[in-house]
C-alpha atoms as a PDB file:
ATOM      1  CA  MET A   1     -38.565 -11.291  -5.289  1.00  0.00           C
ATOM      2  CA  GLN A   2     -37.821 -12.630  -1.811  1.00  0.00           C
ATOM      3  CA  LEU A   3     -34.187 -12.791  -0.703  1.00  0.00           C
ATOM      4  CA  ILE A   4     -33.257 -15.661   1.638  1.00  0.00           C
ATOM      5  CA  HIS A   5     -29.910 -15.990   3.403  1.00  0.00           C
ATOM      6  CA  LEU A   6     -29.521 -19.745   3.585  1.00  0.00           C
ATOM      7  CA  ASN A   7     -28.870 -21.560   6.838  1.00  0.00           C
ATOM      8  CA  PRO A   8     -28.220 -25.209   5.838  1.00  0.00           C
ATOM      9  CA  LYS A   9     -29.039 -26.338   9.392  1.00  0.00           C
ATOM     10  CA  GLN A  10     -32.430 -24.624   9.390  1.00  0.00           C
ATOM     11  CA  LEU A  11     -33.879 -24.695   5.909  1.00  0.00           C
ATOM     12  CA  PRO A  12     -36.833 -22.440   5.103  1.00  0.00           C
ATOM     13  CA  THR A  13     -40.216 -23.847   4.170  1.00  0.00           C
ATOM     14  CA  LEU A  14     -40.696 -23.143   0.479  1.00  0.00           C
ATOM     15  CA  PRO A  15     -43.177 -24.129  -2.222  1.00  0.00           C
ATOM     16  CA  PRO A  16     -42.085 -26.566  -4.941  1.00  0.00           C
ATOM     17  CA  LEU A  17     -39.254 -24.914  -6.798  1.00  0.00           C
ATOM     18  CA  ALA A  18     -37.706 -24.801 -10.216  1.00  0.00           C
ATOM     19  CA  MET A  19     -34.155 -23.753  -9.385  1.00  0.00           C
ATOM     20  CA  THR A  20     -30.860 -22.763 -10.927  1.00  0.00           C
ATOM     21  CA  ILE A  21     -27.506 -22.518  -9.151  1.00  0.00           C
ATOM     22  CA  GLY A  22     -24.384 -20.478  -9.849  1.00  0.00           C
ATOM     23  CA  ASN A  23     -22.433 -17.277  -9.273  1.00  0.00           C
ATOM     24  CA  TYR A  24     -24.347 -15.237 -11.842  1.00  0.00           C
ATOM     25  CA  ASP A  25     -21.665 -12.554 -11.744  1.00  0.00           C
ATOM     26  CA  GLY A  26     -22.666  -9.861 -14.217  1.00  0.00           C
ATOM     27  CA  VAL A  27     -26.025 -11.463 -15.116  1.00  0.00           C
ATOM     28  CA  HIS A  28     -24.872 -11.443 -18.748  1.00  0.00           C
ATOM     29  CA  LEU A  29     -26.737 -12.658 -21.838  1.00  0.00           C
ATOM     30  CA  GLY A  30     -25.988 -16.305 -21.063  1.00  0.00           C
ATOM     31  CA  HIS A  31     -27.338 -15.911 -17.530  1.00  0.00           C
ATOM     32  CA  GLN A  32     -30.371 -14.057 -18.836  1.00  0.00           C
ATOM     33  CA  ALA A  33     -31.185 -16.883 -21.251  1.00  0.00           C
ATOM     34  CA  LEU A  34     -30.922 -19.423 -18.456  1.00  0.00           C
ATOM     35  CA  LEU A  35     -33.105 -17.358 -16.108  1.00  0.00           C
ATOM     36  CA  THR A  36     -35.691 -16.894 -18.834  1.00  0.00           C
ATOM     37  CA  ALA A  37     -35.756 -20.672 -19.351  1.00  0.00           C
ATOM     38  CA  LEU A  38     -36.105 -21.106 -15.578  1.00  0.00           C
ATOM     39  CA  ALA A  39     -39.110 -18.772 -15.454  1.00  0.00           C
ATOM     40  CA  ASN A  40     -40.745 -20.562 -18.405  1.00  0.00           C
ATOM     41  CA  ASP A  41     -40.177 -24.009 -16.893  1.00  0.00           C
ATOM     42  CA  ALA A  42     -41.510 -22.870 -13.509  1.00  0.00           C
ATOM     43  CA  LYS A  43     -44.654 -21.450 -15.088  1.00  0.00           C
ATOM     44  CA  GLN A  44     -45.326 -24.599 -17.124  1.00  0.00           C
ATOM     45  CA  MET A  45     -44.795 -26.854 -14.101  1.00  0.00           C
ATOM     46  CA  GLY A  46     -46.716 -24.699 -11.632  1.00  0.00           C
ATOM     47  CA  PHE A  47     -43.610 -24.159  -9.483  1.00  0.00           C
ATOM     48  CA  ALA A  48     -42.039 -21.048  -8.013  1.00  0.00           C
ATOM     49  CA  SER A  49     -38.669 -20.036  -9.458  1.00  0.00           C
ATOM     50  CA  ALA A  50     -35.492 -19.751  -7.390  1.00  0.00           C
ATOM     51  CA  VAL A  51     -31.842 -18.880  -7.941  1.00  0.00           C
ATOM     52  CA  MET A  52     -29.117 -19.997  -5.535  1.00  0.00           C
ATOM     53  CA  ILE A  53     -25.948 -17.898  -5.514  1.00  0.00           C
ATOM     54  CA  PHE A  54     -22.870 -17.837  -3.277  1.00  0.00           C
ATOM     55  CA  GLU A  55     -21.412 -15.096  -1.074  1.00  0.00           C
ATOM     56  CA  PRO A  56     -18.530 -14.694  -1.199  1.00  0.00           C
ATOM     57  CA  GLN A  57     -18.112 -16.124  -4.670  1.00  0.00           C
ATOM     58  CA  PRO A  58     -15.998 -19.291  -4.414  1.00  0.00           C
ATOM     59  CA  ARG A  59     -12.908 -17.825  -6.074  1.00  0.00           C
ATOM     60  CA  GLU A  60     -13.069 -14.902  -3.649  1.00  0.00           C
ATOM     61  CA  PHE A  61     -13.143 -17.377  -0.786  1.00  0.00           C
ATOM     62  CA  PHE A  62     -10.145 -19.353  -2.039  1.00  0.00           C
ATOM     63  CA  ALA A  63      -8.056 -16.304  -3.008  1.00  0.00           C
ATOM     64  CA  PRO A  64      -9.201 -13.400  -0.796  1.00  0.00           C
ATOM     65  CA  HIS A  65      -5.991 -11.420  -1.339  1.00  0.00           C
ATOM     66  CA  ASN A  66      -6.014 -11.821  -5.116  1.00  0.00           C
ATOM     67  CA  PRO A  67      -9.584 -12.494  -6.203  1.00  0.00           C
ATOM     68  CA  PRO A  68     -10.843 -12.117  -9.748  1.00  0.00           C
ATOM     69  CA  ALA A  69     -12.409  -8.761 -10.513  1.00  0.00           C
ATOM     70  CA  ARG A  70     -16.080  -8.757  -9.632  1.00  0.00           C
ATOM     71  CA  LEU A  71     -18.723  -7.542 -12.059  1.00  0.00           C
ATOM     72  CA  THR A  72     -21.688  -7.172  -9.710  1.00  0.00           C
ATOM     73  CA  SER A  73     -22.186  -6.709  -5.993  1.00  0.00           C
ATOM     74  CA  LEU A  74     -24.860  -8.749  -4.251  1.00  0.00           C
ATOM     75  CA  ASP A  75     -27.326  -5.842  -4.422  1.00  0.00           C
ATOM     76  CA  GLU A  76     -26.659  -5.255  -8.126  1.00  0.00           C
ATOM     77  CA  LYS A  77     -26.964  -8.951  -8.895  1.00  0.00           C
ATOM     78  CA  ALA A  78     -30.229  -9.193  -6.954  1.00  0.00           C
ATOM     79  CA  ALA A  79     -31.691  -6.228  -8.843  1.00  0.00           C
ATOM     80  CA  TYR A  80     -30.856  -7.700 -12.256  1.00  0.00           C
ATOM     81  CA  ILE A  81     -32.210 -11.134 -11.297  1.00  0.00           C
ATOM     82  CA  ALA A  82     -35.412  -9.624  -9.900  1.00  0.00           C
ATOM     83  CA  GLU A  83     -36.012  -7.852 -13.231  1.00  0.00           C
ATOM     84  CA  LEU A  84     -36.228 -11.287 -14.877  1.00  0.00           C
ATOM     85  CA  GLY A  85     -39.181 -12.348 -12.744  1.00  0.00           C
ATOM     86  CA  VAL A  86     -37.507 -14.742 -10.295  1.00  0.00           C
ATOM     87  CA  ASP A  87     -39.502 -15.471  -7.115  1.00  0.00           C
ATOM     88  CA  TYR A  88     -36.692 -16.362  -4.679  1.00  0.00           C
ATOM     89  CA  LEU A  89     -33.009 -15.476  -4.477  1.00  0.00           C
ATOM     90  CA  ILE A  90     -31.274 -17.878  -2.091  1.00  0.00           C
ATOM     91  CA  VAL A  91     -27.873 -16.633  -0.892  1.00  0.00           C
ATOM     92  CA  ALA A  92     -25.618 -19.401   0.426  1.00  0.00           C
ATOM     93  CA  SER A  93     -22.655 -18.386   2.591  1.00  0.00           C
ATOM     94  CA  PHE A  94     -19.653 -19.998   0.947  1.00  0.00           C
ATOM     95  CA  ASP A  95     -17.481 -21.020   3.894  1.00  0.00           C
ATOM     96  CA  ASP A  96     -15.443 -24.050   4.958  1.00  0.00           C
ATOM     97  CA  GLU A  97     -18.532 -25.964   6.045  1.00  0.00           C
ATOM     98  CA  PHE A  98     -20.478 -25.246   2.876  1.00  0.00           C
ATOM     99  CA  ARG A  99     -17.609 -26.000   0.500  1.00  0.00           C
ATOM    100  CA  SER A 100     -17.045 -29.360   2.204  1.00  0.00           C
ATOM    101  CA  LEU A 101     -20.516 -30.620   1.251  1.00  0.00           C
ATOM    102  CA  SER A 102     -20.348 -33.681  -0.957  1.00  0.00           C
ATOM    103  CA  ALA A 103     -22.492 -33.888  -4.057  1.00  0.00           C
ATOM    104  CA  SER A 104     -24.845 -36.222  -2.160  1.00  0.00           C
ATOM    105  CA  ASP A 105     -25.153 -33.819   0.782  1.00  0.00           C
ATOM    106  CA  PHE A 106     -25.751 -30.935  -1.591  1.00  0.00           C
ATOM    107  CA  ALA A 107     -28.525 -32.859  -3.352  1.00  0.00           C
ATOM    108  CA  LEU A 108     -30.142 -33.603   0.020  1.00  0.00           C
ATOM    109  CA  MET A 109     -30.061 -29.893   0.836  1.00  0.00           C
ATOM    110  CA  LEU A 110     -31.763 -29.108  -2.480  1.00  0.00           C
ATOM    111  CA  LYS A 111     -34.481 -31.620  -1.650  1.00  0.00           C
ATOM    112  CA  GLY A 112     -34.856 -29.953   1.769  1.00  0.00           C
ATOM    113  CA  LEU A 113     -35.438 -26.664  -0.022  1.00  0.00           C
ATOM    114  CA  ASN A 114     -38.207 -28.367  -2.016  1.00  0.00           C
ATOM    115  CA  ALA A 115     -36.376 -28.095  -5.327  1.00  0.00           C
ATOM    116  CA  ARG A 116     -38.085 -30.336  -7.859  1.00  0.00           C
ATOM    117  CA  HIS A 117     -36.676 -29.140 -11.173  1.00  0.00           C
ATOM    118  CA  LEU A 118     -33.229 -27.764 -12.005  1.00  0.00           C
ATOM    119  CA  VAL A 119     -32.154 -25.570 -14.912  1.00  0.00           C
ATOM    120  CA  LEU A 120     -28.397 -25.718 -15.388  1.00  0.00           C
ATOM    121  CA  GLY A 121     -25.685 -24.438 -17.670  1.00  0.00           C
ATOM    122  CA  ASP A 122     -23.796 -26.956 -19.783  1.00  0.00           C
ATOM    123  CA  ASP A 123     -20.660 -26.693 -17.588  1.00  0.00           C
ATOM    124  CA  PHE A 124     -22.332 -26.985 -14.179  1.00  0.00           C
ATOM    125  CA  ARG A 125     -20.713 -29.200 -11.530  1.00  0.00           C
ATOM    126  CA  PHE A 126     -20.983 -29.103  -7.727  1.00  0.00           C
ATOM    127  CA  GLY A 127     -19.860 -30.707  -4.487  1.00  0.00           C
ATOM    128  CA  HIS A 128     -16.344 -30.694  -3.037  1.00  0.00           C
ATOM    129  CA  ASP A 129     -15.685 -33.908  -4.950  1.00  0.00           C
ATOM    130  CA  ARG A 130     -16.965 -32.323  -8.210  1.00  0.00           C
ATOM    131  CA  ALA A 131     -19.143 -35.396  -8.674  1.00  0.00           C
ATOM    132  CA  GLY A 132     -22.339 -33.413  -9.077  1.00  0.00           C
ATOM    133  CA  ASP A 133     -23.543 -32.962 -12.639  1.00  0.00           C
ATOM    134  CA  LYS A 134     -26.716 -33.331 -14.680  1.00  0.00           C
ATOM    135  CA  ALA A 135     -26.605 -37.140 -14.650  1.00  0.00           C
ATOM    136  CA  PHE A 136     -26.029 -37.228 -10.882  1.00  0.00           C
ATOM    137  CA  LEU A 137     -29.007 -34.938 -10.235  1.00  0.00           C
ATOM    138  CA  ALA A 138     -31.275 -36.860 -12.592  1.00  0.00           C
ATOM    139  CA  ALA A 139     -30.357 -40.079 -10.755  1.00  0.00           C
ATOM    140  CA  ALA A 140     -31.154 -38.305  -7.463  1.00  0.00           C
ATOM    141  CA  GLY A 141     -34.728 -37.736  -8.625  1.00  0.00           C
ATOM    142  CA  PHE A 142     -34.664 -34.183 -10.001  1.00  0.00           C
ATOM    143  CA  SER A 143     -35.900 -33.284 -13.440  1.00  0.00           C
ATOM    144  CA  VAL A 144     -33.101 -31.383 -15.156  1.00  0.00           C
ATOM    145  CA  ASP A 145     -33.061 -28.958 -18.060  1.00  0.00           C
ATOM    146  CA  SER A 146     -29.527 -28.301 -19.339  1.00  0.00           C
ATOM    147  CA  LEU A 147     -28.968 -25.297 -21.622  1.00  0.00           C
ATOM    148  CA  ASP A 148     -26.266 -24.832 -24.202  1.00  0.00           C
ATOM    149  CA  SER A 149     -23.993 -21.812 -23.937  1.00  0.00           C
ATOM    150  CA  ILE A 150     -25.030 -18.538 -25.550  1.00  0.00           C
ATOM    151  CA  MET A 151     -22.704 -17.306 -28.289  1.00  0.00           C
ATOM    152  CA  HIS A 152     -21.864 -13.715 -29.187  1.00  0.00           C
ATOM    153  CA  ASP A 153     -19.511 -12.817 -32.052  1.00  0.00           C
ATOM    154  CA  ASN A 154     -18.519 -16.493 -32.264  1.00  0.00           C
ATOM    155  CA  GLN A 155     -17.514 -16.604 -28.594  1.00  0.00           C
ATOM    156  CA  ARG A 156     -19.165 -18.288 -25.635  1.00  0.00           C
ATOM    157  CA  VAL A 157     -20.647 -15.581 -23.407  1.00  0.00           C
ATOM    158  CA  SER A 158     -19.060 -15.781 -19.963  1.00  0.00           C
ATOM    159  CA  SER A 159     -18.286 -13.601 -16.963  1.00  0.00           C
ATOM    160  CA  SER A 160     -14.580 -14.003 -17.746  1.00  0.00           C
ATOM    161  CA  LEU A 161     -15.122 -12.601 -21.233  1.00  0.00           C
ATOM    162  CA  VAL A 162     -16.966  -9.584 -19.804  1.00  0.00           C
ATOM    163  CA  ARG A 163     -14.163  -9.006 -17.269  1.00  0.00           C
ATOM    164  CA  GLN A 164     -11.553  -9.054 -20.029  1.00  0.00           C
ATOM    165  CA  ALA A 165     -13.489  -6.605 -22.176  1.00  0.00           C
ATOM    166  CA  LEU A 166     -13.816  -4.184 -19.259  1.00  0.00           C
ATOM    167  CA  ALA A 167     -10.163  -4.571 -18.286  1.00  0.00           C
ATOM    168  CA  ASP A 168      -9.216  -3.679 -21.873  1.00  0.00           C
ATOM    169  CA  GLY A 169     -11.466  -0.619 -21.917  1.00  0.00           C
ATOM    170  CA  ARG A 170     -13.733  -2.170 -24.561  1.00  0.00           C
ATOM    171  CA  LEU A 171     -17.043  -0.903 -23.200  1.00  0.00           C
ATOM    172  CA  ASP A 172     -18.954  -1.671 -26.412  1.00  0.00           C
ATOM    173  CA  SER A 173     -17.788  -5.295 -26.298  1.00  0.00           C
ATOM    174  CA  ALA A 174     -18.869  -5.591 -22.662  1.00  0.00           C
ATOM    175  CA  LYS A 175     -22.242  -4.070 -23.557  1.00  0.00           C
ATOM    176  CA  GLY A 176     -22.696  -6.661 -26.296  1.00  0.00           C
ATOM    177  CA  LEU A 177     -22.091  -9.466 -23.805  1.00  0.00           C
ATOM    178  CA  LEU A 178     -24.232  -7.965 -21.053  1.00  0.00           C
ATOM    179  CA  GLY A 179     -27.077  -6.663 -23.187  1.00  0.00           C
ATOM    180  CA  ARG A 180     -26.726  -3.283 -21.412  1.00  0.00           C
ATOM    181  CA  ASP A 181     -24.122  -0.675 -20.562  1.00  0.00           C
ATOM    182  CA  TYR A 182     -21.891  -1.691 -17.670  1.00  0.00           C
ATOM    183  CA  ALA A 183     -22.753   0.100 -14.419  1.00  0.00           C
ATOM    184  CA  ILE A 184     -21.708   0.220 -10.776  1.00  0.00           C
ATOM    185  CA  THR A 185     -24.026   1.311  -7.955  1.00  0.00           C
ATOM    186  CA  GLY A 186     -22.830   2.446  -4.558  1.00  0.00           C
ATOM    187  CA  ARG A 187     -23.444   4.848  -1.713  1.00  0.00           C
ATOM    188  CA  VAL A 188     -21.497   8.114  -1.504  1.00  0.00           C
ATOM    189  CA  VAL A 189     -19.088   7.981   1.440  1.00  0.00           C
ATOM    190  CA  HIS A 190     -16.511  10.331   2.902  1.00  0.00           C
ATOM    191  CA  GLY A 191     -13.119  10.243   1.191  1.00  0.00           C
ATOM    192  CA  ASP A 192      -9.857  12.043   1.895  1.00  0.00           C
ATOM    193  CA  LYS A 193     -11.096  15.173   0.044  1.00  0.00           C
ATOM    194  CA  ILE A 194      -7.943  15.504  -2.070  1.00  0.00           C
ATOM    195  CA  GLY A 195     -10.091  16.369  -5.069  1.00  0.00           C
ATOM    196  CA  ARG A 196     -11.360  19.525  -3.380  1.00  0.00           C
ATOM    197  CA  THR A 197      -7.814  20.787  -2.876  1.00  0.00           C
ATOM    198  CA  LEU A 198      -7.267  20.353  -6.621  1.00  0.00           C
ATOM    199  CA  ASP A 199     -10.517  22.197  -7.516  1.00  0.00           C
ATOM    200  CA  PHE A 200     -12.094  18.968  -8.762  1.00  0.00           C
ATOM    201  CA  PRO A 201     -14.345  17.717  -5.933  1.00  0.00           C
ATOM    202  CA  THR A 202     -15.456  14.112  -6.233  1.00  0.00           C
ATOM    203  CA  ALA A 203     -18.191  11.917  -4.847  1.00  0.00           C
ATOM    204  CA  ASN A 204     -16.535   8.785  -3.515  1.00  0.00           C
ATOM    205  CA  ILE A 205     -18.614   5.654  -4.040  1.00  0.00           C
ATOM    206  CA  ALA A 206     -18.244   2.577  -1.856  1.00  0.00           C
ATOM    207  CA  PRO A 207     -17.306  -0.118  -4.420  1.00  0.00           C
ATOM    208  CA  SER A 208     -19.076  -3.006  -2.585  1.00  0.00           C
ATOM    209  CA  ARG A 209     -16.556  -5.506  -3.985  1.00  0.00           C
ATOM    210  CA  ILE A 210     -12.946  -6.456  -3.280  1.00  0.00           C
ATOM    211  CA  LYS A 211     -11.748  -5.518  -6.767  1.00  0.00           C
ATOM    212  CA  PRO A 212     -13.700  -3.641  -9.465  1.00  0.00           C
ATOM    213  CA  ALA A 213     -13.808  -5.083 -12.962  1.00  0.00           C
ATOM    214  CA  LEU A 214     -12.533  -1.952 -14.678  1.00  0.00           C
ATOM    215  CA  HIS A 215      -9.938   0.719 -13.955  1.00  0.00           C
ATOM    216  CA  GLY A 216      -8.995   4.013 -15.513  1.00  0.00           C
ATOM    217  CA  VAL A 217     -10.751   7.256 -16.433  1.00  0.00           C
ATOM    218  CA  TYR A 218     -14.231   7.254 -17.976  1.00  0.00           C
ATOM    219  CA  GLY A 219     -17.114   9.395 -19.092  1.00  0.00           C
ATOM    220  CA  ALA A 220     -20.337   8.197 -17.491  1.00  0.00           C
ATOM    221  CA  ASP A 221     -24.022   8.848 -17.000  1.00  0.00           C
ATOM    222  CA  VAL A 222     -24.762   9.206 -13.293  1.00  0.00           C
ATOM    223  CA  PHE A 223     -28.142   8.687 -11.621  1.00  0.00           C
ATOM    224  CA  ALA A 224     -28.981   9.494  -7.990  1.00  0.00           C
ATOM    225  CA  TYR A 225     -31.257   7.455  -5.710  1.00  0.00           C
ATOM    226  CA  ARG A 226     -32.477   7.503  -2.138  1.00  0.00           C
ATOM    227  CA  ASP A 227     -34.348   4.509  -0.694  1.00  0.00           C
ATOM    228  CA  GLY A 228     -34.670   3.081  -4.189  1.00  0.00           C
ATOM    229  CA  VAL A 229     -36.339   6.192  -5.627  1.00  0.00           C
ATOM    230  CA  ARG A 230     -34.571   8.089  -8.400  1.00  0.00           C
ATOM    231  CA  LEU A 231     -33.901  11.702  -7.478  1.00  0.00           C
ATOM    232  CA  ASP A 232     -34.130  14.800  -9.622  1.00  0.00           C
ATOM    233  CA  TRP A 233     -30.645  16.299  -9.716  1.00  0.00           C
ATOM    234  CA  ALA A 234     -32.104  19.799  -9.383  1.00  0.00           C
ATOM    235  CA  THR A 235     -33.330  18.925  -5.872  1.00  0.00           C
ATOM    236  CA  LEU A 236     -29.757  18.050  -4.844  1.00  0.00           C
ATOM    237  CA  ALA A 237     -28.016  21.047  -6.388  1.00  0.00           C
ATOM    238  CA  HIS A 238     -27.049  24.222  -4.578  1.00  0.00           C
ATOM    239  CA  ASP A 239     -28.313  27.364  -6.323  1.00  0.00           C
ATOM    240  CA  ASP A 240     -27.957  26.950 -10.093  1.00  0.00           C
ATOM    241  CA  ALA A 241     -25.002  24.534 -10.078  1.00  0.00           C
ATOM    242  CA  VAL A 242     -27.045  21.754 -11.686  1.00  0.00           C
ATOM    243  CA  GLY A 243     -24.239  20.121 -13.670  1.00  0.00           C
ATOM    244  CA  VAL A 244     -23.925  18.908 -17.251  1.00  0.00           C
ATOM    245  CA  ALA A 245     -26.670  16.686 -18.643  1.00  0.00           C
ATOM    246  CA  GLY A 246     -25.644  13.117 -19.327  1.00  0.00           C
ATOM    247  CA  VAL A 247     -26.274  11.140 -22.492  1.00  0.00           C
ATOM    248  CA  ALA A 248     -29.261   9.308 -20.988  1.00  0.00           C
ATOM    249  CA  GLN A 249     -32.361  11.207 -19.928  1.00  0.00           C
ATOM    250  CA  GLY A 250     -32.338  12.111 -16.221  1.00  0.00           C
ATOM    251  CA  SER A 251     -28.607  11.616 -15.764  1.00  0.00           C
ATOM    252  CA  LEU A 252     -25.709  13.959 -15.099  1.00  0.00           C
ATOM    253  CA  PHE A 253     -22.446  13.604 -16.949  1.00  0.00           C
ATOM    254  CA  GLY A 254     -19.571  12.434 -14.762  1.00  0.00           C
ATOM    255  CA  ALA A 255     -15.820  12.197 -15.133  1.00  0.00           C
ATOM    256  CA  VAL A 256     -15.046   8.980 -13.277  1.00  0.00           C
ATOM    257  CA  SER A 257     -11.787   7.534 -11.987  1.00  0.00           C
ATOM    258  CA  VAL A 258     -11.606   3.893 -10.901  1.00  0.00           C
ATOM    259  CA  GLY A 259      -8.338   2.703  -9.434  1.00  0.00           C
ATOM    260  CA  LEU A 260      -5.771   2.672  -6.658  1.00  0.00           C
ATOM    261  CA  ARG A 261      -4.664   6.342  -7.026  1.00  0.00           C
ATOM    262  CA  PRO A 262      -0.904   5.774  -7.357  1.00  0.00           C
ATOM    263  CA  SER A 263      -0.235   9.526  -7.596  1.00  0.00           C
ATOM    264  CA  VAL A 264      -1.219   9.973  -3.925  1.00  0.00           C
ATOM    265  CA  GLY A 265       0.053   6.629  -2.621  1.00  0.00           C
ATOM    266  CA  GLY A 266      -3.374   4.992  -2.545  1.00  0.00           C
ATOM    267  CA  GLN A 267      -3.654   1.420  -1.299  1.00  0.00           C
ATOM    268  CA  ASP A 268      -7.325   0.605  -1.798  1.00  0.00           C
ATOM    269  CA  TRP A 269      -9.659   0.682  -4.771  1.00  0.00           C
ATOM    270  CA  ARG A 270     -11.656   3.887  -5.169  1.00  0.00           C
ATOM    271  CA  ILE A 271     -14.471   4.980  -7.444  1.00  0.00           C
ATOM    272  CA  GLU A 272     -14.410   8.774  -7.639  1.00  0.00           C
ATOM    273  CA  VAL A 273     -17.017  10.742  -9.581  1.00  0.00           C
ATOM    274  CA  HIS A 274     -16.512  14.371 -10.561  1.00  0.00           C
ATOM    275  CA  LEU A 275     -19.692  16.066 -11.774  1.00  0.00           C
ATOM    276  CA  PRO A 276     -18.668  19.132 -13.815  1.00  0.00           C
ATOM    277  CA  LYS A 277     -20.615  22.314 -12.971  1.00  0.00           C
ATOM    278  CA  PHE A 278     -22.520  20.567 -10.166  1.00  0.00           C
ATOM    279  CA  ASP A 279     -22.457  21.562  -6.519  1.00  0.00           C
ATOM    280  CA  GLY A 280     -24.500  19.800  -3.863  1.00  0.00           C
ATOM    281  CA  ASP A 281     -24.409  17.485  -0.845  1.00  0.00           C
ATOM    282  CA  LEU A 282     -24.389  13.850  -2.001  1.00  0.00           C
ATOM    283  CA  TYR A 283     -23.329  12.038   1.176  1.00  0.00           C
ATOM    284  CA  ASP A 284     -25.434   8.913   1.777  1.00  0.00           C
ATOM    285  CA  VAL A 285     -27.057   9.285  -1.661  1.00  0.00           C
ATOM    286  CA  GLN A 286     -26.793   6.165  -3.813  1.00  0.00           C
ATOM    287  CA  LEU A 287     -25.291   6.747  -7.251  1.00  0.00           C
ATOM    288  CA  THR A 288     -25.504   4.494 -10.272  1.00  0.00           C
ATOM    289  CA  VAL A 289     -22.579   5.131 -12.609  1.00  0.00           C
ATOM    290  CA  VAL A 290     -23.205   3.947 -16.178  1.00  0.00           C
ATOM    291  CA  PHE A 291     -19.889   3.779 -18.020  1.00  0.00           C
ATOM    292  CA  ARG A 292     -20.169   5.213 -21.532  1.00  0.00           C
ATOM    293  CA  TYR A 293     -16.667   6.172 -22.699  1.00  0.00           C
ATOM    294  CA  PHE A 294     -13.151   4.975 -21.863  1.00  0.00           C
ATOM    295  CA  LEU A 295     -10.554   7.749 -21.948  1.00  0.00           C
ATOM    296  CA  HIS A 296      -7.376   6.062 -20.677  1.00  0.00           C
ATOM    297  CA  GLY A 297      -5.966   3.761 -18.034  1.00  0.00           C
ATOM    298  CA  GLU A 298      -4.866   4.894 -14.602  1.00  0.00           C
ATOM    299  CA  ARG A 299      -1.758   7.115 -14.630  1.00  0.00           C
ATOM    300  CA  LYS A 300       0.813   8.058 -12.018  1.00  0.00           C
ATOM    301  CA  TYR A 301       1.736  11.742 -11.904  1.00  0.00           C
ATOM    302  CA  ASP A 302       4.850  13.218 -10.312  1.00  0.00           C
ATOM    303  CA  GLY A 303       3.533  15.685  -7.771  1.00  0.00           C
ATOM    304  CA  MET A 304       0.265  17.441  -7.052  1.00  0.00           C
ATOM    305  CA  ASP A 305       0.693  20.115  -9.746  1.00  0.00           C
ATOM    306  CA  ALA A 306       1.106  17.447 -12.412  1.00  0.00           C
ATOM    307  CA  LEU A 307      -1.872  15.543 -11.006  1.00  0.00           C
ATOM    308  CA  LYS A 308      -4.053  18.665 -11.117  1.00  0.00           C
ATOM    309  CA  ALA A 309      -3.001  19.369 -14.703  1.00  0.00           C
ATOM    310  CA  GLY A 310      -3.730  15.758 -15.671  1.00  0.00           C
ATOM    311  CA  ILE A 311      -7.194  15.840 -14.109  1.00  0.00           C
ATOM    312  CA  SER A 312      -7.945  19.173 -15.772  1.00  0.00           C
ATOM    313  CA  GLN A 313      -7.039  17.740 -19.169  1.00  0.00           C
ATOM    314  CA  ASP A 314      -9.080  14.599 -18.535  1.00  0.00           C
ATOM    315  CA  VAL A 315     -12.172  16.612 -17.625  1.00  0.00           C
ATOM    316  CA  ALA A 316     -11.734  18.822 -20.704  1.00  0.00           C
ATOM    317  CA  ASP A 317     -11.345  15.766 -22.957  1.00  0.00           C
ATOM    318  CA  LEU A 318     -14.380  14.046 -21.450  1.00  0.00           C
ATOM    319  CA  LEU A 319     -16.541  17.163 -21.786  1.00  0.00           C
ATOM    320  CA  ALA A 320     -15.468  17.398 -25.435  1.00  0.00           C
ATOM    321  CA  TRP A 321     -16.596  13.792 -25.926  1.00  0.00           C
ATOM    322  CA  ARG A 322     -19.879  14.541 -24.177  1.00  0.00           C
ATOM    323  CA  ALA A 323     -20.479  17.528 -26.442  1.00  0.00           C
ATOM    324  CA  SER A 324     -20.018  15.272 -29.472  1.00  0.00           C
ATOM    325  CA  VAL A 325     -22.768  12.847 -28.420  1.00  0.00           C
ATOM    326  CA  SER A 326     -26.506  13.500 -28.671  1.00  0.00           C
ATOM    327  CA  VAL A 327     -28.858  12.988 -25.736  1.00  0.00           C
ATOM    328  CA  GLU A 328     -30.674   9.672 -26.021  1.00  0.00           C
END
């Protein structure tokens, strides 16, 4: 899949396209159905397939200090979309100039990109005047395929529904909507090393989003990558400190905290991964954290001794859960 950062003033030369447009946050079952329809339409028509998404997502642009929780970073979203066989991912910078495009101007831009056929969700509208819809695009000369919403447990599958499930700690519900376990991928960066002083060292993952979609303490499967290649944990471990095997083959089990760290006066969102019985240098390694078990929400402890005791109990509880689950 080719990724294109769109410059509306200098459009790329592209083959005839079957295209869909949207945020695609989470790439959930509804998105997957639409992308599958896009690939099928493109193949039947002899077109290439393309997805246009927006960065930042519009609601992040309009409310940067209080955006909705984000399910997927750009890199995560691109990886999921690529798995569905899309040829082009077109990333439009959502800024003042872009958001001011009228429906007519937007349609002209689509024609400039050589879009011939559009596959849209049943609630799709566009343009600053919100005048763009299926009928508008059909009148503008595009062929349009509009898909009905996908239902799951008598509910319309949506990114909002996934966010709510994750916020509530209902990982199984989120999995049902996504068609996979929820995961976050990020590079290990330097933190403030408080965990080491408490005898629970953590790998701090750059969240790659303003606000994560879940918060609290979790048991997770953790995979390590470098340059897109999965690493064997044994090659990263010092001596025999190879950690505890995760539920999924090739993973390590992690005790994961996602939150603002109120016990130490934290102000920014952190994703901290403690790998029991593992010792090794993980800086600049990319970790994928697959959330498997919700233990509890974020807690504020009074003092460092109470915090250490709380973490110790969390790790013990999570290891007990891990011991109760068979390797897949």
